[in-house]
Amino acid sequence: MKKFISTLLIIFWTNISFAQVVDLTCKFKGDDGSKFYVGLDYKNSKWLKEGGGGTYMWHGKDVDIILTVKRMKKNMMNLTHGIWLLSRITGEGELAGYELTEEDLKNVTDQQLINIKKNKIADLNNKSLEPARNNLRARTFIEYIMNKPNKKVAGVEVPPIKTKFECEKLEKKYKF
């Protein structure tokens, strides 16, 4: 009986280990040292933030970069969204800010729906397809922004504003 219970505990423990979130502590380069949390939930294709909220993330099995798009807080530069890019290998990252209009957001949503139908993952009753939909939503959003022409100011193309950050794996599991 003890052997049976031990075996069940080992199976239970190993299954949980595959579903864990990779917890990171990050900081912007050149900043005063204040840190922020990033959780990478590969199973559900989510980039988590402190407090438990998150956004869809795009990652490929053979790609060493993880990407997500997040809505930015109101600022003086009218940047509405940021693409967060993180290297799985080095822990180095970059945030690039963009200004998107309501029309841009509608175009992204339309393209996401088209891609979901085209990839045959539109059955909303099938919860096992949710990670694939999340990954595709993030990829579509990122590709849309990256293919969008840069903003022009006084006839001059202005590239996105970028800042770098670095992350390390947290030793202890993060608790919300």
Protein backbone atom coordinates (compact mmCIF):
# COMPACT_ATOMS: atom_id res chain seq x y z
CA MET A 1 0.00 0.00 0.00
CA LYS A 2 2.82 2.40 0.89
CA LYS A 3 4.48 1.64 -2.44
CA PHE A 4 1.23 2.35 -4.26
CA ILE A 5 0.76 5.70 -2.48
CA SER A 6 4.40 6.63 -3.11
CA THR A 7 3.99 5.82 -6.80
CA LEU A 8 0.84 7.97 -7.00
CA LEU A 9 2.59 10.85 -5.25
CA ILE A 10 5.52 10.66 -7.68
CA ILE A 11 3.19 10.60 -10.68
CA PHE A 12 1.17 13.49 -9.27
CA TRP A 13 4.33 15.50 -8.52
CA THR A 14 5.87 14.95 -11.97
CA ASN A 15 2.63 15.92 -13.74
CA ILE A 16 2.48 19.17 -11.77
CA SER A 17 6.08 19.96 -12.66
CA PHE A 18 5.18 20.04 -16.37
CA ALA A 19 2.37 22.55 -15.76
CA GLN A 20 4.44 24.97 -13.69
CA VAL A 21 4.99 28.56 -14.63
CA VAL A 22 8.56 29.73 -15.12
CA ASP A 23 8.92 32.57 -12.61
CA LEU A 24 11.31 35.40 -13.47
CA THR A 25 12.45 38.57 -11.75
CA CYS A 26 13.33 41.33 -14.19
CA LYS A 27 14.64 44.88 -14.17
CA PHE A 28 15.08 47.58 -16.77
CA LYS A 29 18.69 48.33 -17.68
CA GLY A 30 19.90 51.65 -16.36
CA ASP A 31 17.00 51.79 -13.93
CA ASP A 32 17.30 52.38 -10.19
CA GLY A 33 17.16 48.65 -9.60
CA SER A 34 13.41 48.25 -9.08
CA LYS A 35 12.31 44.78 -10.13
CA PHE A 36 9.18 43.40 -11.72
CA TYR A 37 7.76 39.89 -12.05
CA VAL A 38 7.23 37.93 -15.27
CA GLY A 39 5.69 34.47 -15.31
CA LEU A 40 5.88 32.35 -18.45
CA ASP A 41 3.04 29.83 -18.64
CA TYR A 42 3.99 27.72 -21.67
CA LYS A 43 1.10 25.32 -21.21
CA ASN A 44 -1.50 28.09 -21.68
CA SER A 45 0.66 30.45 -23.81
CA LYS A 46 0.38 33.27 -21.26
CA TRP A 47 2.83 35.95 -20.14
CA LEU A 48 1.82 36.61 -16.53
CA LYS A 49 2.37 39.72 -14.45
CA GLU A 50 2.31 40.36 -10.74
CA GLY A 51 -1.20 40.00 -9.38
CA GLY A 52 -2.06 37.11 -11.68
CA GLY A 53 -3.17 38.97 -14.82
CA GLY A 54 -1.56 38.24 -18.12
CA THR A 55 -1.48 38.51 -21.89
CA TYR A 56 -1.17 35.97 -24.68
CA MET A 57 2.40 35.12 -25.61
CA TRP A 58 3.90 33.73 -28.77
CA HIS A 59 6.65 31.16 -28.62
CA GLY A 60 7.65 28.47 -31.02
CA LYS A 61 9.19 25.13 -30.22
CA ASP A 62 12.24 25.96 -32.30
CA VAL A 63 12.31 29.72 -31.52
CA ASP A 64 14.51 31.06 -28.73
CA ILE A 65 12.45 34.23 -28.33
CA ILE A 66 9.19 34.78 -26.46
CA LEU A 67 6.98 37.72 -27.44
CA THR A 68 3.84 39.38 -26.11
CA VAL A 69 1.89 42.59 -26.65
CA LYS A 70 0.66 44.56 -23.67
CA ARG A 71 -1.45 47.69 -23.39
CA MET A 72 0.67 50.50 -21.95
CA LYS A 73 -0.36 52.92 -19.25
CA LYS A 74 -1.30 56.40 -20.43
CA ASN A 75 1.80 58.47 -21.10
CA MET A 76 2.80 61.74 -22.72
CA MET A 77 4.10 60.07 -25.90
CA ASN A 78 0.72 58.55 -26.88
CA LEU A 79 2.15 55.04 -26.89
CA THR A 80 -0.72 52.60 -26.48
CA HIS A 81 0.91 49.16 -26.77
CA GLY A 82 4.29 47.59 -26.20
CA ILE A 83 5.89 44.50 -27.68
CA TRP A 84 7.87 42.63 -25.06
CA LEU A 85 10.60 40.37 -26.44
CA LEU A 86 12.56 38.00 -24.19
CA SER A 87 15.40 35.63 -25.08
CA ARG A 88 15.02 32.16 -23.57
CA ILE A 89 18.79 31.70 -23.73
CA THR A 90 20.22 34.94 -22.31
CA GLY A 91 17.33 36.39 -20.31
CA GLU A 92 17.84 39.67 -22.16
CA GLY A 93 14.71 41.51 -23.26
CA GLU A 94 13.46 44.57 -25.07
CA LEU A 95 10.27 46.60 -24.85
CA ALA A 96 9.23 48.61 -27.91
CA GLY A 97 6.37 51.14 -27.66
CA TYR A 98 3.83 51.74 -30.43
CA GLU A 99 0.79 53.93 -30.99
CA LEU A 100 -2.24 52.00 -32.24
CA THR A 101 -5.59 53.43 -33.26
CA GLU A 102 -9.03 51.88 -32.76
CA GLU A 103 -8.94 50.96 -36.46
CA ASP A 104 -5.63 49.11 -35.91
CA LEU A 105 -7.15 47.18 -33.00
CA LYS A 106 -10.20 46.24 -35.10
CA ASN A 107 -7.92 45.06 -37.93
CA VAL A 108 -5.92 42.92 -35.49
CA THR A 109 -9.08 41.35 -34.05
CA ASP A 110 -10.42 40.60 -37.54
CA GLN A 111 -7.11 39.04 -38.60
CA GLN A 112 -6.98 36.95 -35.40
CA LEU A 113 -10.44 35.51 -36.13
CA ILE A 114 -9.49 34.75 -39.74
CA ASN A 115 -6.29 32.99 -38.62
CA ILE A 116 -8.11 30.99 -35.93
CA LYS A 117 -10.64 29.73 -38.49
CA LYS A 118 -7.93 29.06 -41.07
CA ASN A 119 -5.95 26.97 -38.56
CA LYS A 120 -9.09 25.01 -37.58
CA ILE A 121 -8.92 25.94 -33.88
CA ALA A 122 -12.19 27.86 -33.75
CA ASP A 123 -14.19 25.34 -31.70
CA LEU A 124 -14.65 27.38 -28.49
CA ASN A 125 -16.16 24.36 -26.71
CA ASN A 126 -12.85 22.51 -27.07
CA LYS A 127 -10.77 23.90 -24.18
CA SER A 128 -7.70 21.91 -25.29
CA LEU A 129 -7.41 24.32 -28.25
CA GLU A 130 -7.18 27.39 -25.98
CA PRO A 131 -3.33 27.43 -25.76
CA ALA A 132 -3.08 27.20 -29.56
CA ARG A 133 -5.60 30.07 -29.93
CA ASN A 134 -3.67 32.15 -27.35
CA ASN A 135 -0.39 31.55 -29.18
CA LEU A 136 -1.96 32.43 -32.55
CA ARG A 137 -3.66 35.57 -31.16
CA ALA A 138 -0.32 36.83 -29.84
CA ARG A 139 1.53 35.97 -33.05
CA THR A 140 -1.09 37.75 -35.21
CA PHE A 141 -0.97 40.87 -33.00
CA ILE A 142 2.85 40.98 -33.02
CA GLU A 143 3.09 40.45 -36.79
CA TYR A 144 0.51 43.19 -37.37
CA ILE A 145 2.45 45.71 -35.29
CA MET A 146 5.84 44.77 -36.73
CA ASN A 147 4.56 45.09 -40.31
CA LYS A 148 2.87 48.44 -39.62
CA PRO A 149 4.82 51.40 -41.01
CA ASN A 150 6.55 53.60 -38.45
CA LYS A 151 4.82 56.77 -37.33
CA LYS A 152 5.75 59.93 -39.24
CA VAL A 153 6.37 63.24 -37.52
CA ALA A 154 6.88 66.28 -39.78
CA GLY A 155 7.40 63.88 -42.71
CA VAL A 156 10.16 61.95 -40.95
CA GLU A 157 9.70 58.30 -40.02
CA VAL A 158 10.08 57.78 -36.26
CA PRO A 159 11.06 54.28 -35.11
CA PRO A 160 9.45 52.81 -31.99
CA ILE A 161 10.82 53.83 -28.61
CA LYS A 162 12.77 50.92 -27.13
CA THR A 163 14.16 50.06 -23.73
CA LYS A 164 16.08 47.00 -22.60
CA PHE A 165 15.55 44.77 -19.57
CA GLU A 166 17.06 41.59 -18.16
CA CYS A 167 15.54 38.67 -16.30
CA GLU A 168 16.68 35.91 -13.98
CA LYS A 169 14.85 32.79 -12.92
CA LEU A 170 13.40 33.00 -9.42
CA GLU A 171 14.53 30.22 -7.14
CA LYS A 172 11.30 30.16 -5.13
CA LYS A 173 7.85 29.78 -6.63
CA TYR A 174 6.15 33.17 -6.87
CA LYS A 175 2.98 33.54 -4.83
CA PHE A 176 0.29 35.99 -5.94
